[in-house]
């Protein structure tokens, strides 16, 4: 059983991992290609290193995101969590289904810490 975390804003993919409203934590059966339980969890406040530790504590094995800073990617990878930045599909369920089928489309990591603020409107 896999546990996949996806950062969300308004129940859609948030383009910045550390500034999302909530995470969808999806249990999926990789062998059967099916989605089980989906939980929507509010992350702890954004401070360096806090969210990756929280995600690891949930037993998550994969993170799918639009964008993610280098420090968060490194911290998650150090915990053995597969990190897949560059997603753009807004639906968490479709992201997981595509991942399970091997069809997850990934583009550029959209995280840009030099930008004024972070837009998680989608």
C-alpha atoms as a PDB file:
ATOM      1  CA  UNK A   1       0.000   0.000   0.000  1.00  0.00           C
ATOM      2  CA  UNK A   2       1.347   3.408  -1.010  1.00  0.00           C
ATOM      3  CA  UNK A   3       0.630   6.681   0.744  1.00  0.00           C
ATOM      4  CA  UNK A   4       0.778   9.632  -1.629  1.00  0.00           C
ATOM      5  CA  UNK A   5       0.700  13.262  -0.442  1.00  0.00           C
ATOM      6  CA  UNK A   6      -0.416  16.116  -2.699  1.00  0.00           C
ATOM      7  CA  UNK A   7      -0.424  19.804  -1.626  1.00  0.00           C
ATOM      8  CA  UNK A   8      -3.805  21.453  -2.232  1.00  0.00           C
ATOM      9  CA  UNK A   9      -5.580  24.793  -2.268  1.00  0.00           C
ATOM     10  CA  UNK A  10      -9.360  24.633  -2.630  1.00  0.00           C
ATOM     11  CA  UNK A  11      -9.043  20.849  -3.102  1.00  0.00           C
ATOM     12  CA  UNK A  12      -6.925  21.357  -6.250  1.00  0.00           C
ATOM     13  CA  UNK A  13      -3.160  21.009  -6.754  1.00  0.00           C
ATOM     14  CA  UNK A  14      -1.320  23.911  -5.117  1.00  0.00           C
ATOM     15  CA  UNK A  15       1.676  24.971  -7.155  1.00  0.00           C
ATOM     16  CA  UNK A  16       3.839  25.598  -4.077  1.00  0.00           C
ATOM     17  CA  UNK A  17       4.381  22.708  -1.677  1.00  0.00           C
ATOM     18  CA  UNK A  18       5.144  24.741   1.452  1.00  0.00           C
ATOM     19  CA  UNK A  19       2.303  27.234   1.124  1.00  0.00           C
ATOM     20  CA  UNK A  20      -0.684  24.960   0.597  1.00  0.00           C
ATOM     21  CA  UNK A  21      -3.917  24.989   2.606  1.00  0.00           C
ATOM     22  CA  UNK A  22      -4.043  21.228   3.046  1.00  0.00           C
ATOM     23  CA  UNK A  23      -2.641  17.946   1.813  1.00  0.00           C
ATOM     24  CA  UNK A  24      -4.538  15.096   0.266  1.00  0.00           C
ATOM     25  CA  UNK A  25      -3.036  11.910   1.675  1.00  0.00           C
ATOM     26  CA  UNK A  26      -4.136   9.121  -0.624  1.00  0.00           C
ATOM     27  CA  UNK A  27      -3.779   5.419   0.092  1.00  0.00           C
ATOM     28  CA  UNK A  28      -3.336   3.472  -3.115  1.00  0.00           C
ATOM     29  CA  UNK A  29      -2.732  -0.125  -4.086  1.00  0.00           C
ATOM     30  CA  UNK A  30       0.071  -0.012  -6.634  1.00  0.00           C
ATOM     31  CA  UNK A  31      -0.453  -3.621  -7.737  1.00  0.00           C
ATOM     32  CA  UNK A  32      -4.200  -3.286  -8.293  1.00  0.00           C
ATOM     33  CA  UNK A  33      -3.945   0.320  -9.528  1.00  0.00           C
ATOM     34  CA  UNK A  34      -6.715   1.434  -7.181  1.00  0.00           C
ATOM     35  CA  UNK A  35      -7.259   4.361  -4.837  1.00  0.00           C
ATOM     36  CA  UNK A  36      -8.379   3.663  -1.287  1.00  0.00           C
ATOM     37  CA  UNK A  37      -8.887   6.151   1.512  1.00  0.00           C
ATOM     38  CA  UNK A  38      -8.272   9.868   0.931  1.00  0.00           C
ATOM     39  CA  UNK A  39      -7.659  12.147   3.912  1.00  0.00           C
ATOM     40  CA  UNK A  40      -7.473  15.946   3.743  1.00  0.00           C
ATOM     41  CA  UNK A  41      -5.067  17.159   6.411  1.00  0.00           C
ATOM     42  CA  UNK A  42      -4.019  20.653   7.457  1.00  0.00           C
ATOM     43  CA  UNK A  43      -0.228  20.907   7.593  1.00  0.00           C
ATOM     44  CA  UNK A  44       1.691  22.529  10.423  1.00  0.00           C
ATOM     45  CA  UNK A  45       2.754  26.170   9.910  1.00  0.00           C
ATOM     46  CA  UNK A  46       5.326  26.702   7.160  1.00  0.00           C
ATOM     47  CA  UNK A  47       8.776  26.835   8.722  1.00  0.00           C
ATOM     48  CA  UNK A  48      11.937  25.335   7.221  1.00  0.00           C
ATOM     49  CA  UNK A  49      11.918  21.549   7.571  1.00  0.00           C
ATOM     50  CA  UNK A  50       8.620  21.224   9.456  1.00  0.00           C
ATOM     51  CA  UNK A  51       6.358  20.006   6.653  1.00  0.00           C
ATOM     52  CA  UNK A  52       8.764  17.350   5.294  1.00  0.00           C
ATOM     53  CA  UNK A  53       9.111  15.894   8.804  1.00  0.00           C
ATOM     54  CA  UNK A  54       5.327  15.946   9.248  1.00  0.00           C
ATOM     55  CA  UNK A  55       4.816  14.212   5.869  1.00  0.00           C
ATOM     56  CA  UNK A  56       7.380  11.529   6.742  1.00  0.00           C
ATOM     57  CA  UNK A  57       5.615  10.973  10.081  1.00  0.00           C
ATOM     58  CA  UNK A  58       2.382  10.207   8.228  1.00  0.00           C
ATOM     59  CA  UNK A  59       4.047   7.274   6.481  1.00  0.00           C
ATOM     60  CA  UNK A  60       3.909   8.923   3.062  1.00  0.00           C
ATOM     61  CA  UNK A  61       6.026   7.202   0.399  1.00  0.00           C
ATOM     62  CA  UNK A  62       5.417   9.539  -2.578  1.00  0.00           C
ATOM     63  CA  UNK A  63       4.843  13.311  -2.883  1.00  0.00           C
ATOM     64  CA  UNK A  64       3.396  14.743  -6.094  1.00  0.00           C
ATOM     65  CA  UNK A  65       3.626  18.538  -6.327  1.00  0.00           C
ATOM     66  CA  UNK A  66       3.619  21.429  -8.748  1.00  0.00           C
ATOM     67  CA  UNK A  67       6.674  23.038  -7.248  1.00  0.00           C
ATOM     68  CA  UNK A  68       8.940  22.466  -4.301  1.00  0.00           C
ATOM     69  CA  UNK A  69      12.070  24.102  -2.946  1.00  0.00           C
ATOM     70  CA  UNK A  70      15.375  22.261  -2.982  1.00  0.00           C
ATOM     71  CA  UNK A  71      15.572  21.955   0.806  1.00  0.00           C
ATOM     72  CA  UNK A  72      12.146  20.284   1.059  1.00  0.00           C
ATOM     73  CA  UNK A  73      12.975  17.932  -1.836  1.00  0.00           C
ATOM     74  CA  UNK A  74      16.228  16.930  -0.170  1.00  0.00           C
ATOM     75  CA  UNK A  75      14.623  16.407   3.244  1.00  0.00           C
ATOM     76  CA  UNK A  76      11.875  14.211   1.784  1.00  0.00           C
ATOM     77  CA  UNK A  77      14.352  12.192  -0.282  1.00  0.00           C
ATOM     78  CA  UNK A  78      16.499  11.693   2.821  1.00  0.00           C
ATOM     79  CA  UNK A  79      13.433  10.085   4.450  1.00  0.00           C
ATOM     80  CA  UNK A  80      13.103   7.681   1.497  1.00  0.00           C
ATOM     81  CA  UNK A  81      10.134   9.535   0.019  1.00  0.00           C
ATOM     82  CA  UNK A  82       9.879   9.688  -3.771  1.00  0.00           C
ATOM     83  CA  UNK A  83       9.424  13.335  -4.834  1.00  0.00           C
ATOM     84  CA  UNK A  84       7.688  14.157  -8.123  1.00  0.00           C
ATOM     85  CA  UNK A  85       7.598  17.937  -8.743  1.00  0.00           C
ATOM     86  CA  UNK A  86       6.334  19.515 -11.946  1.00  0.00           C
ATOM     87  CA  UNK A  87       2.748  18.211 -11.902  1.00  0.00           C
ATOM     88  CA  UNK A  88       0.076  20.476 -13.346  1.00  0.00           C
ATOM     89  CA  UNK A  89      -3.148  18.425 -13.352  1.00  0.00           C
ATOM     90  CA  UNK A  90      -5.360  20.063 -10.677  1.00  0.00           C
ATOM     91  CA  UNK A  91      -7.272  16.947  -9.525  1.00  0.00           C
ATOM     92  CA  UNK A  92      -5.521  14.927  -6.793  1.00  0.00           C
ATOM     93  CA  UNK A  93      -7.455  11.791  -7.746  1.00  0.00           C
ATOM     94  CA  UNK A  94      -6.393  12.069 -11.407  1.00  0.00           C
ATOM     95  CA  UNK A  95      -2.774  12.706 -10.364  1.00  0.00           C
ATOM     96  CA  UNK A  96      -2.788   9.483  -8.340  1.00  0.00           C
ATOM     97  CA  UNK A  97      -4.550   7.470 -11.068  1.00  0.00           C
ATOM     98  CA  UNK A  98      -2.027   8.734 -13.649  1.00  0.00           C
ATOM     99  CA  UNK A  99       0.863   7.875 -11.301  1.00  0.00           C
ATOM    100  CA  UNK A 100      -0.465   4.363 -10.764  1.00  0.00           C
ATOM    101  CA  UNK A 101      -0.801   3.841 -14.548  1.00  0.00           C
ATOM    102  CA  UNK A 102       2.708   5.207 -15.179  1.00  0.00           C
ATOM    103  CA  UNK A 103       1.214   8.151 -17.094  1.00  0.00           C
ATOM    104  CA  UNK A 104       1.956  11.009 -14.676  1.00  0.00           C
ATOM    105  CA  UNK A 105       2.955  14.032 -16.765  1.00  0.00           C
ATOM    106  CA  UNK A 106       5.630  16.155 -15.108  1.00  0.00           C
ATOM    107  CA  UNK A 107       7.025  19.441 -16.356  1.00  0.00           C
ATOM    108  CA  UNK A 108       9.303  21.992 -14.775  1.00  0.00           C
ATOM    109  CA  UNK A 109       9.408  22.472 -11.021  1.00  0.00           C
ATOM    110  CA  UNK A 110       7.453  25.736 -10.750  1.00  0.00           C
ATOM    111  CA  UNK A 111       8.816  26.743  -7.348  1.00  0.00           C
ATOM    112  CA  UNK A 112      10.447  30.159  -7.418  1.00  0.00           C
ATOM    113  CA  UNK A 113      11.418  31.476  -4.010  1.00  0.00           C
ATOM    114  CA  UNK A 114      12.523  34.770  -5.554  1.00  0.00           C
ATOM    115  CA  UNK A 115       8.984  35.649  -6.596  1.00  0.00           C
ATOM    116  CA  UNK A 116       6.887  38.036  -4.545  1.00  0.00           C
ATOM    117  CA  UNK A 117       4.551  35.758  -2.606  1.00  0.00           C
ATOM    118  CA  UNK A 118       3.363  32.372  -3.774  1.00  0.00           C
ATOM    119  CA  UNK A 119       0.240  31.817  -5.806  1.00  0.00           C
ATOM    120  CA  UNK A 120      -1.566  28.659  -4.768  1.00  0.00           C
ATOM    121  CA  UNK A 121      -4.809  29.577  -6.445  1.00  0.00           C
ATOM    122  CA  UNK A 122      -4.730  26.334  -8.434  1.00  0.00           C
END
